[in-house]
Amino acid sequence: MAEYCVNKTEQANGDHEVHERGCVYWPAPQNAQLLGNHANCAGAVTAARGYFRQVNGCRTCSRPCHTQ
């Protein structure tokens, strides 16, 4: 299990990115909505959709959940 967060600040395309703890792109505390521990990024992305409509996995740390 790993800890995940979603960035409260959206990307230029409107995505809010999901990050795994330790990612170089983990947002600053004021921009990180913590999502708790999940077995994989898919669970974290599902949890993030409870906060934001447009969610994507980080290309660096959550590659299986990243879409173009």
PDB file of N, CA and C in Angstrom:
ATOM      1  N   MET A   1       0.853  -1.184   0.000  1.00  0.00           N
ATOM      2  CA  MET A   1       0.000   0.000   0.000  1.00  0.00           C
ATOM      3  C   MET A   1       0.894   1.242   0.000  1.00  0.00           C
ATOM      4  N   ALA A   2       0.446   2.230  -0.741  1.00  0.00           N
ATOM      5  CA  ALA A   2       1.189   3.485  -0.821  1.00  0.00           C
ATOM      6  C   ALA A   2       0.227   4.636  -0.560  1.00  0.00           C
ATOM      7  N   GLU A   3       0.770   5.728  -0.065  1.00  0.00           N
ATOM      8  CA  GLU A   3      -0.028   6.921   0.185  1.00  0.00           C
ATOM      9  C   GLU A   3      -0.105   7.745  -1.098  1.00  0.00           C
ATOM     10  N   TYR A   4      -1.281   8.302  -1.373  1.00  0.00           N
ATOM     11  CA  TYR A   4      -1.511   9.096  -2.576  1.00  0.00           C
ATOM     12  C   TYR A   4      -2.149  10.429  -2.215  1.00  0.00           C
ATOM     13  N   CYS A   5      -1.993  11.369  -3.129  1.00  0.00           N
ATOM     14  CA  CYS A   5      -2.688  12.648  -3.035  1.00  0.00           C
ATOM     15  C   CYS A   5      -3.091  13.067  -4.439  1.00  0.00           C
ATOM     16  N   VAL A   6      -3.982  14.035  -4.507  1.00  0.00           N
ATOM     17  CA  VAL A   6      -4.328  14.652  -5.778  1.00  0.00           C
ATOM     18  C   VAL A   6      -3.994  16.135  -5.655  1.00  0.00           C
ATOM     19  N   ASN A   7      -3.430  16.679  -6.704  1.00  0.00           N
ATOM     20  CA  ASN A   7      -3.057  18.088  -6.715  1.00  0.00           C
ATOM     21  C   ASN A   7      -4.316  18.943  -6.865  1.00  0.00           C
ATOM     22  N   LYS A   8      -4.514  19.858  -5.931  1.00  0.00           N
ATOM     23  CA  LYS A   8      -5.678  20.748  -5.983  1.00  0.00           C
ATOM     24  C   LYS A   8      -5.571  21.748  -7.132  1.00  0.00           C
ATOM     25  N   THR A   9      -4.351  22.007  -7.587  1.00  0.00           N
ATOM     26  CA  THR A   9      -4.129  22.931  -8.694  1.00  0.00           C
ATOM     27  C   THR A   9      -4.199  22.154  -9.999  1.00  0.00           C
ATOM     28  N   GLU A  10      -5.078  22.550 -10.871  1.00  0.00           N
ATOM     29  CA  GLU A  10      -5.235  21.818 -12.138  1.00  0.00           C
ATOM     30  C   GLU A  10      -4.133  22.164 -13.126  1.00  0.00           C
ATOM     31  N   GLN A  11      -3.858  21.195 -13.989  1.00  0.00           N
ATOM     32  CA  GLN A  11      -2.914  21.381 -15.079  1.00  0.00           C
ATOM     33  C   GLN A  11      -3.565  22.291 -16.129  1.00  0.00           C
ATOM     34  N   ALA A  12      -2.788  22.706 -17.122  1.00  0.00           N
ATOM     35  CA  ALA A  12      -3.296  23.576 -18.191  1.00  0.00           C
ATOM     36  C   ALA A  12      -4.492  22.953 -18.909  1.00  0.00           C
ATOM     37  N   ASN A  13      -4.530  21.609 -18.989  1.00  0.00           N
ATOM     38  CA  ASN A  13      -5.632  20.935 -19.684  1.00  0.00           C
ATOM     39  C   ASN A  13      -6.815  20.643 -18.764  1.00  0.00           C
ATOM     40  N   GLY A  14      -6.733  21.070 -17.510  1.00  0.00           N
ATOM     41  CA  GLY A  14      -7.835  20.874 -16.571  1.00  0.00           C
ATOM     42  C   GLY A  14      -7.700  19.661 -15.677  1.00  0.00           C
ATOM     43  N   ASP A  15      -6.691  18.812 -15.905  1.00  0.00           N
ATOM     44  CA  ASP A  15      -6.488  17.615 -15.081  1.00  0.00           C
ATOM     45  C   ASP A  15      -5.983  17.975 -13.689  1.00  0.00           C
ATOM     46  N   HIS A  16      -6.436  17.207 -12.715  1.00  0.00           N
ATOM     47  CA  HIS A  16      -5.872  17.226 -11.372  1.00  0.00           C
ATOM     48  C   HIS A  16      -5.106  15.913 -11.261  1.00  0.00           C
ATOM     49  N   GLU A  17      -3.790  15.992 -11.056  1.00  0.00           N
ATOM     50  CA  GLU A  17      -2.945  14.800 -11.097  1.00  0.00           C
ATOM     51  C   GLU A  17      -2.854  14.103  -9.747  1.00  0.00           C
ATOM     52  N   VAL A  18      -2.892  12.777  -9.813  1.00  0.00           N
ATOM     53  CA  VAL A  18      -2.736  11.913  -8.649  1.00  0.00           C
ATOM     54  C   VAL A  18      -1.265  11.520  -8.537  1.00  0.00           C
ATOM     55  N   HIS A  19      -0.711  11.641  -7.320  1.00  0.00           N
ATOM     56  CA  HIS A  19       0.696  11.336  -7.076  1.00  0.00           C
ATOM     57  C   HIS A  19       0.848  10.340  -5.939  1.00  0.00           C
ATOM     58  N   GLU A  20       1.867   9.491  -6.060  1.00  0.00           N
ATOM     59  CA  GLU A  20       2.238   8.566  -5.005  1.00  0.00           C
ATOM     60  C   GLU A  20       3.305   9.228  -4.137  1.00  0.00           C
ATOM     61  N   ARG A  21       3.224   9.010  -2.814  1.00  0.00           N
ATOM     62  CA  ARG A  21       4.194   9.600  -1.880  1.00  0.00           C
ATOM     63  C   ARG A  21       5.616   9.268  -2.343  1.00  0.00           C
ATOM     64  N   GLY A  22       6.464  10.275  -2.374  1.00  0.00           N
ATOM     65  CA  GLY A  22       7.841  10.110  -2.826  1.00  0.00           C
ATOM     66  C   GLY A  22       8.067  10.620  -4.241  1.00  0.00           C
ATOM     67  N   CYS A  23       6.992  10.904  -4.955  1.00  0.00           N
ATOM     68  CA  CYS A  23       7.105  11.417  -6.322  1.00  0.00           C
ATOM     69  C   CYS A  23       7.766  12.797  -6.295  1.00  0.00           C
ATOM     70  N   VAL A  24       8.615  13.047  -7.261  1.00  0.00           N
ATOM     71  CA  VAL A  24       9.271  14.358  -7.350  1.00  0.00           C
ATOM     72  C   VAL A  24       8.257  15.470  -7.624  1.00  0.00           C
ATOM     73  N   TYR A  25       7.065  15.104  -8.110  1.00  0.00           N
ATOM     74  CA  TYR A  25       6.026  16.093  -8.404  1.00  0.00           C
ATOM     75  C   TYR A  25       4.958  16.179  -7.316  1.00  0.00           C
ATOM     76  N   TRP A  26       5.192  15.527  -6.172  1.00  0.00           N
ATOM     77  CA  TRP A  26       4.246  15.632  -5.046  1.00  0.00           C
ATOM     78  C   TRP A  26       4.056  17.116  -4.754  1.00  0.00           C
ATOM     79  N   PRO A  27       2.820  17.602  -4.717  1.00  0.00           N
ATOM     80  CA  PRO A  27       2.601  19.045  -4.554  1.00  0.00           C
ATOM     81  C   PRO A  27       2.918  19.553  -3.148  1.00  0.00           C
ATOM     82  N   ALA A  28       3.060  20.868  -3.057  1.00  0.00           N
ATOM     83  CA  ALA A  28       3.244  21.521  -1.767  1.00  0.00           C
ATOM     84  C   ALA A  28       2.042  21.204  -0.878  1.00  0.00           C
ATOM     85  N   PRO A  29       2.230  21.190   0.442  1.00  0.00           N
ATOM     86  CA  PRO A  29       1.142  20.808   1.353  1.00  0.00           C
ATOM     87  C   PRO A  29      -0.183  21.536   1.103  1.00  0.00           C
ATOM     88  N   GLN A  30      -0.137  22.811   0.795  1.00  0.00           N
ATOM     89  CA  GLN A  30      -1.383  23.557   0.578  1.00  0.00           C
ATOM     90  C   GLN A  30      -2.099  23.162  -0.713  1.00  0.00           C
ATOM     91  N   ASN A  31      -1.399  22.469  -1.606  1.00  0.00           N
ATOM     92  CA  ASN A  31      -1.997  22.032  -2.874  1.00  0.00           C
ATOM     93  C   ASN A  31      -2.296  20.538  -2.920  1.00  0.00           C
ATOM     94  N   ALA A  32      -1.985  19.819  -1.858  1.00  0.00           N
ATOM     95  CA  ALA A  32      -2.156  18.364  -1.844  1.00  0.00           C
ATOM     96  C   ALA A  32      -3.411  17.963  -1.080  1.00  0.00           C
ATOM     97  N   GLN A  33      -4.355  17.348  -1.772  1.00  0.00           N
ATOM     98  CA  GLN A  33      -5.519  16.740  -1.122  1.00  0.00           C
ATOM     99  C   GLN A  33      -5.157  15.276  -0.880  1.00  0.00           C
ATOM    100  N   LEU A  34      -4.924  14.911   0.369  1.00  0.00           N
ATOM    101  CA  LEU A  34      -4.520  13.546   0.681  1.00  0.00           C
ATOM    102  C   LEU A  34      -5.662  12.576   0.394  1.00  0.00           C
ATOM    103  N   LEU A  35      -5.294  11.420  -0.163  1.00  0.00           N
ATOM    104  CA  LEU A  35      -6.279  10.413  -0.543  1.00  0.00           C
ATOM    105  C   LEU A  35      -6.161   9.138   0.288  1.00  0.00           C
ATOM    106  N   GLY A  36      -5.159   9.070   1.151  1.00  0.00           N
ATOM    107  CA  GLY A  36      -4.964   7.879   1.972  1.00  0.00           C
ATOM    108  C   GLY A  36      -4.124   6.840   1.252  1.00  0.00           C
ATOM    109  N   ASN A  37      -4.108   5.638   1.820  1.00  0.00           N
ATOM    110  CA  ASN A  37      -3.320   4.534   1.273  1.00  0.00           C
ATOM    111  C   ASN A  37      -4.168   3.688   0.330  1.00  0.00           C
ATOM    112  N   HIS A  38      -3.558   3.309  -0.783  1.00  0.00           N
ATOM    113  CA  HIS A  38      -4.236   2.487  -1.787  1.00  0.00           C
ATOM    114  C   HIS A  38      -3.273   1.433  -2.308  1.00  0.00           C
ATOM    115  N   ALA A  39      -3.829   0.317  -2.756  1.00  0.00           N
ATOM    116  CA  ALA A  39      -3.015  -0.773  -3.290  1.00  0.00           C
ATOM    117  C   ALA A  39      -2.360  -0.391  -4.607  1.00  0.00           C
ATOM    118  N   ASN A  40      -2.996   0.533  -5.335  1.00  0.00           N
ATOM    119  CA  ASN A  40      -2.453   0.969  -6.632  1.00  0.00           C
ATOM    120  C   ASN A  40      -3.063   2.322  -6.997  1.00  0.00           C
ATOM    121  N   CYS A  41      -2.585   2.867  -8.109  1.00  0.00           N
ATOM    122  CA  CYS A  41      -3.056   4.197  -8.513  1.00  0.00           C
ATOM    123  C   CYS A  41      -4.526   4.199  -8.925  1.00  0.00           C
ATOM    124  N   ALA A  42      -5.041   3.067  -9.374  1.00  0.00           N
ATOM    125  CA  ALA A  42      -6.450   3.030  -9.802  1.00  0.00           C
ATOM    126  C   ALA A  42      -7.379   3.379  -8.647  1.00  0.00           C
ATOM    127  N   GLY A  43      -7.108   2.837  -7.475  1.00  0.00           N
ATOM    128  CA  GLY A  43      -7.911   3.161  -6.302  1.00  0.00           C
ATOM    129  C   GLY A  43      -7.794   4.620  -5.916  1.00  0.00           C
ATOM    130  N   ALA A  44      -6.586   5.159  -6.046  1.00  0.00           N
ATOM    131  CA  ALA A  44      -6.354   6.567  -5.721  1.00  0.00           C
ATOM    132  C   ALA A  44      -7.077   7.482  -6.708  1.00  0.00           C
ATOM    133  N   VAL A  45      -7.064   7.132  -7.980  1.00  0.00           N
ATOM    134  CA  VAL A  45      -7.760   7.933  -8.995  1.00  0.00           C
ATOM    135  C   VAL A  45      -9.263   7.933  -8.706  1.00  0.00           C
ATOM    136  N   THR A  46      -9.798   6.789  -8.355  1.00  0.00           N
ATOM    137  CA  THR A  46     -11.220   6.708  -8.008  1.00  0.00           C
ATOM    138  C   THR A  46     -11.530   7.610  -6.817  1.00  0.00           C
ATOM    139  N   ALA A  47     -10.673   7.574  -5.800  1.00  0.00           N
ATOM    140  CA  ALA A  47     -10.869   8.438  -4.627  1.00  0.00           C
ATOM    141  C   ALA A  47     -10.776   9.910  -5.013  1.00  0.00           C
ATOM    142  N   ALA A  48      -9.852  10.249  -5.895  1.00  0.00           N
ATOM    143  CA  ALA A  48      -9.667  11.645  -6.321  1.00  0.00           C
ATOM    144  C   ALA A  48     -10.892  12.173  -7.054  1.00  0.00           C
ATOM    145  N   ARG A  49     -11.619  11.298  -7.727  1.00  0.00           N
ATOM    146  CA  ARG A  49     -12.827  11.726  -8.445  1.00  0.00           C
ATOM    147  C   ARG A  49     -13.929  12.156  -7.488  1.00  0.00           C
ATOM    148  N   GLY A  50     -13.768  11.857  -6.217  1.00  0.00           N
ATOM    149  CA  GLY A  50     -14.688  12.366  -5.209  1.00  0.00           C
ATOM    150  C   GLY A  50     -14.453  13.852  -4.924  1.00  0.00           C
ATOM    151  N   TYR A  51     -13.308  14.360  -5.351  1.00  0.00           N
ATOM    152  CA  TYR A  51     -12.956  15.768  -5.151  1.00  0.00           C
ATOM    153  C   TYR A  51     -13.007  16.572  -6.445  1.00  0.00           C
ATOM    154  N   PHE A  52     -12.588  15.948  -7.546  1.00  0.00           N
ATOM    155  CA  PHE A  52     -12.487  16.642  -8.828  1.00  0.00           C
ATOM    156  C   PHE A  52     -13.040  15.763  -9.945  1.00  0.00           C
ATOM    157  N   ARG A  53     -13.670  16.382 -10.927  1.00  0.00           N
ATOM    158  CA  ARG A  53     -14.252  15.637 -12.042  1.00  0.00           C
ATOM    159  C   ARG A  53     -13.180  15.149 -13.008  1.00  0.00           C
ATOM    160  N   GLN A  54     -12.196  15.982 -13.286  1.00  0.00           N
ATOM    161  CA  GLN A  54     -11.171  15.653 -14.287  1.00  0.00           C
ATOM    162  C   GLN A  54      -9.879  15.289 -13.560  1.00  0.00           C
ATOM    163  N   VAL A  55      -9.578  13.985 -13.518  1.00  0.00           N
ATOM    164  CA  VAL A  55      -8.442  13.450 -12.774  1.00  0.00           C
ATOM    165  C   VAL A  55      -7.602  12.587 -13.696  1.00  0.00           C
ATOM    166  N   ASN A  56      -6.288  12.615 -13.474  1.00  0.00           N
ATOM    167  CA  ASN A  56      -5.362  11.803 -14.267  1.00  0.00           C
ATOM    168  C   ASN A  56      -4.230  11.362 -13.354  1.00  0.00           C
ATOM    169  N   GLY A  57      -3.649  10.204 -13.641  1.00  0.00           N
ATOM    170  CA  GLY A  57      -2.480   9.753 -12.904  1.00  0.00           C
ATOM    171  C   GLY A  57      -1.238  10.486 -13.387  1.00  0.00           C
ATOM    172  N   CYS A  58      -0.308  10.720 -12.489  1.00  0.00           N
ATOM    173  CA  CYS A  58       0.962  11.351 -12.834  1.00  0.00           C
ATOM    174  C   CYS A  58       1.747  10.436 -13.774  1.00  0.00           C
ATOM    175  N   ARG A  59       2.313  11.000 -14.811  1.00  0.00           N
ATOM    176  CA  ARG A  59       3.084  10.221 -15.783  1.00  0.00           C
ATOM    177  C   ARG A  59       4.344   9.626 -15.155  1.00  0.00           C
ATOM    178  N   THR A  60       4.840  10.234 -14.092  1.00  0.00           N
ATOM    179  CA  THR A  60       6.063   9.762 -13.456  1.00  0.00           C
ATOM    180  C   THR A  60       5.807   8.662 -12.422  1.00  0.00           C
ATOM    181  N   CYS A  61       4.885   8.895 -11.507  1.00  0.00           N
ATOM    182  CA  CYS A  61       4.710   7.954 -10.400  1.00  0.00           C
ATOM    183  C   CYS A  61       3.459   7.073 -10.504  1.00  0.00           C
ATOM    184  N   SER A  62       2.527   7.431 -11.355  1.00  0.00           N
ATOM    185  CA  SER A  62       1.282   6.666 -11.498  1.00  0.00           C
ATOM    186  C   SER A  62       1.029   6.370 -12.972  1.00  0.00           C
ATOM    187  N   ARG A  63       2.069   5.948 -13.642  1.00  0.00           N
ATOM    188  CA  ARG A  63       2.030   5.731 -15.086  1.00  0.00           C
ATOM    189  C   ARG A  63       0.891   4.820 -15.545  1.00  0.00           C
ATOM    190  N   PRO A  64       0.558   3.714 -14.837  1.00  0.00           N
ATOM    191  CA  PRO A  64      -0.553   2.876 -15.299  1.00  0.00           C
ATOM    192  C   PRO A  64      -1.891   3.612 -15.368  1.00  0.00           C
ATOM    193  N   CYS A  65      -2.014   4.701 -14.617  1.00  0.00           N
ATOM    194  CA  CYS A  65      -3.269   5.463 -14.568  1.00  0.00           C
ATOM    195  C   CYS A  65      -3.180   6.762 -15.365  1.00  0.00           C
ATOM    196  N   HIS A  66      -2.073   6.976 -16.048  1.00  0.00           N
ATOM    197  CA  HIS A  66      -1.901   8.202 -16.836  1.00  0.00           C
ATOM    198  C   HIS A  66      -2.475   8.000 -18.240  1.00  0.00           C
ATOM    199  N   THR A  67      -3.297   8.946 -18.661  1.00  0.00           N
ATOM    200  CA  THR A  67      -3.838   8.913 -20.018  1.00  0.00           C
ATOM    201  C   THR A  67      -3.346  10.151 -20.758  1.00  0.00           C
ATOM    202  N   GLN A  68      -3.256  10.053 -22.050  1.00  0.00           N
ATOM    203  CA  GLN A  68      -2.754  11.172 -22.862  1.00  0.00           C
ATOM    204  C   GLN A  68      -3.746  12.287 -22.937  1.00  0.00           C
TER     205      GLN A  68
END
